[in-house]
Amino acid sequence: MREIKAVVGGKLSIKDNVEEIYEKRVTPYGNGAKIDAQKKYIGKRVFVIVLKDGGV
């Protein structure tokens, strides 16, 4: 069962079969951008969460 709750400016709660959570930096790629991931994740469904600046 998938349950995702997010509140703008608040906390995020994900209840699902999560395999891994990791942090990456978005980098330029042509006229767009990309996020590098390991080859084992090709074809997997993912969520991308964009954080406001001001973090680490």
N, C-alpha and C. Protein backbone atom coordinates (compact mmCIF):
# COMPACT_ATOMS: atom_id res chain seq x y z
N MET A 1 0.84 -1.18 0.00
CA MET A 1 0.00 0.00 0.00
C MET A 1 0.89 1.25 0.00
N ARG A 2 0.59 2.16 -0.86
CA ARG A 2 1.39 3.38 -0.99
C ARG A 2 0.67 4.51 -0.28
N GLU A 3 1.40 5.20 0.59
CA GLU A 3 0.86 6.36 1.28
C GLU A 3 1.94 7.41 1.37
N ILE A 4 1.70 8.54 0.73
CA ILE A 4 2.67 9.63 0.75
C ILE A 4 1.94 10.89 1.19
N LYS A 5 2.45 11.51 2.24
CA LYS A 5 1.86 12.75 2.73
C LYS A 5 2.94 13.82 2.74
N ALA A 6 2.62 14.96 2.16
CA ALA A 6 3.57 16.08 2.16
C ALA A 6 2.81 17.36 2.42
N VAL A 7 3.38 18.19 3.25
CA VAL A 7 2.80 19.49 3.54
C VAL A 7 3.83 20.54 3.14
N VAL A 8 3.41 21.53 2.36
CA VAL A 8 4.33 22.58 1.94
C VAL A 8 4.93 23.24 3.17
N GLY A 9 6.25 23.25 3.23
CA GLY A 9 6.95 23.85 4.36
C GLY A 9 6.94 22.98 5.60
N GLY A 10 6.51 21.73 5.47
CA GLY A 10 6.43 20.85 6.62
C GLY A 10 7.23 19.58 6.44
N LYS A 11 6.78 18.53 7.09
CA LYS A 11 7.47 17.24 7.06
C LYS A 11 6.91 16.37 5.95
N LEU A 12 7.70 15.39 5.54
CA LEU A 12 7.32 14.44 4.50
C LEU A 12 7.26 13.05 5.13
N SER A 13 6.21 12.31 4.83
CA SER A 13 6.06 10.96 5.36
C SER A 13 5.81 10.01 4.19
N ILE A 14 6.63 8.96 4.05
CA ILE A 14 6.48 7.97 2.99
C ILE A 14 6.34 6.60 3.63
N LYS A 15 5.24 5.92 3.33
CA LYS A 15 5.05 4.55 3.78
C LYS A 15 4.95 3.69 2.53
N ASP A 16 6.03 3.01 2.22
CA ASP A 16 6.10 2.20 1.01
C ASP A 16 7.27 1.25 1.13
N ASN A 17 7.48 0.41 0.16
CA ASN A 17 8.64 -0.48 0.11
C ASN A 17 9.83 0.31 -0.40
N VAL A 18 10.48 1.07 0.46
CA VAL A 18 11.61 1.91 0.07
C VAL A 18 12.87 1.06 0.07
N GLU A 19 13.57 1.06 -1.06
CA GLU A 19 14.81 0.29 -1.17
C GLU A 19 15.99 1.07 -0.63
N GLU A 20 16.05 2.36 -0.94
CA GLU A 20 17.19 3.18 -0.53
C GLU A 20 16.83 4.65 -0.65
N ILE A 21 17.36 5.48 0.22
CA ILE A 21 17.24 6.92 0.12
C ILE A 21 18.65 7.48 0.08
N TYR A 22 18.94 8.31 -0.92
CA TYR A 22 20.27 8.90 -1.00
C TYR A 22 20.15 10.32 -1.53
N GLU A 23 21.22 11.08 -1.37
CA GLU A 23 21.23 12.48 -1.77
C GLU A 23 22.19 12.68 -2.93
N LYS A 24 21.76 13.40 -3.95
CA LYS A 24 22.59 13.73 -5.10
C LYS A 24 22.36 15.18 -5.48
N ARG A 25 23.28 15.75 -6.22
CA ARG A 25 23.17 17.11 -6.71
C ARG A 25 22.71 17.06 -8.16
N VAL A 26 21.76 17.90 -8.54
CA VAL A 26 21.30 18.00 -9.93
C VAL A 26 22.39 18.74 -10.72
N THR A 27 22.77 18.18 -11.86
CA THR A 27 23.83 18.78 -12.67
C THR A 27 23.30 19.12 -14.07
N PRO A 28 23.94 20.07 -14.74
CA PRO A 28 23.51 20.44 -16.10
C PRO A 28 23.70 19.29 -17.08
N TYR A 29 22.79 19.20 -18.05
CA TYR A 29 22.89 18.19 -19.09
C TYR A 29 22.23 18.76 -20.34
N GLY A 30 23.03 19.26 -21.27
CA GLY A 30 22.48 19.89 -22.47
C GLY A 30 21.64 21.10 -22.08
N ASN A 31 20.38 21.14 -22.54
CA ASN A 31 19.47 22.24 -22.19
C ASN A 31 18.64 21.90 -20.97
N GLY A 32 18.93 20.80 -20.30
CA GLY A 32 18.16 20.37 -19.13
C GLY A 32 19.08 20.09 -17.96
N ALA A 33 18.66 19.13 -17.15
CA ALA A 33 19.43 18.74 -15.97
C ALA A 33 19.26 17.25 -15.74
N LYS A 34 20.14 16.68 -14.90
CA LYS A 34 20.07 15.25 -14.62
C LYS A 34 20.49 14.97 -13.18
N ILE A 35 20.12 13.82 -12.70
CA ILE A 35 20.56 13.32 -11.41
C ILE A 35 21.19 11.96 -11.67
N ASP A 36 22.45 11.79 -11.30
CA ASP A 36 23.13 10.51 -11.50
C ASP A 36 22.59 9.48 -10.53
N ALA A 37 22.43 8.26 -11.02
CA ALA A 37 22.00 7.14 -10.19
C ALA A 37 22.76 5.89 -10.62
N GLN A 38 22.83 4.92 -9.73
CA GLN A 38 23.52 3.68 -10.05
C GLN A 38 22.77 2.92 -11.14
N LYS A 39 23.51 2.16 -11.91
CA LYS A 39 22.95 1.39 -13.02
C LYS A 39 21.85 0.43 -12.57
N LYS A 40 21.94 -0.05 -11.34
CA LYS A 40 20.94 -1.02 -10.84
C LYS A 40 19.54 -0.41 -10.74
N TYR A 41 19.43 0.93 -10.83
CA TYR A 41 18.13 1.59 -10.73
C TYR A 41 17.50 1.89 -12.08
N ILE A 42 18.14 1.50 -13.17
CA ILE A 42 17.56 1.72 -14.50
C ILE A 42 16.22 0.99 -14.58
N GLY A 43 15.20 1.72 -14.99
CA GLY A 43 13.86 1.15 -15.12
C GLY A 43 13.04 1.18 -13.84
N LYS A 44 13.63 1.60 -12.72
CA LYS A 44 12.91 1.66 -11.45
C LYS A 44 12.09 2.94 -11.39
N ARG A 45 11.03 2.91 -10.62
CA ARG A 45 10.22 4.10 -10.37
C ARG A 45 10.84 4.84 -9.19
N VAL A 46 10.99 6.17 -9.32
CA VAL A 46 11.63 6.97 -8.28
C VAL A 46 10.83 8.24 -8.01
N PHE A 47 11.09 8.84 -6.87
CA PHE A 47 10.55 10.16 -6.53
C PHE A 47 11.73 11.11 -6.44
N VAL A 48 11.57 12.31 -6.96
CA VAL A 48 12.58 13.34 -6.82
C VAL A 48 11.97 14.44 -5.97
N ILE A 49 12.64 14.79 -4.89
CA ILE A 49 12.16 15.82 -3.98
C ILE A 49 13.13 16.99 -4.08
N VAL A 50 12.64 18.15 -4.51
CA VAL A 50 13.49 19.32 -4.66
C VAL A 50 13.40 20.15 -3.38
N LEU A 51 14.55 20.39 -2.75
CA LEU A 51 14.60 21.15 -1.51
C LEU A 51 14.93 22.61 -1.79
N LYS A 52 14.44 23.49 -0.93
CA LYS A 52 14.78 24.91 -1.04
C LYS A 52 16.26 25.07 -0.68
N ASP A 53 16.90 26.10 -1.27
CA ASP A 53 18.29 26.41 -0.91
C ASP A 53 18.33 26.86 0.54
N GLY A 54 19.51 26.83 1.12
CA GLY A 54 19.66 27.23 2.50
C GLY A 54 20.10 26.04 3.36
N GLY A 55 20.13 24.86 2.74
CA GLY A 55 20.58 23.67 3.43
C GLY A 55 22.10 23.59 3.42
N VAL A 56 22.60 22.40 3.55
CA VAL A 56 24.04 22.18 3.60
C VAL A 56 24.67 22.42 2.26
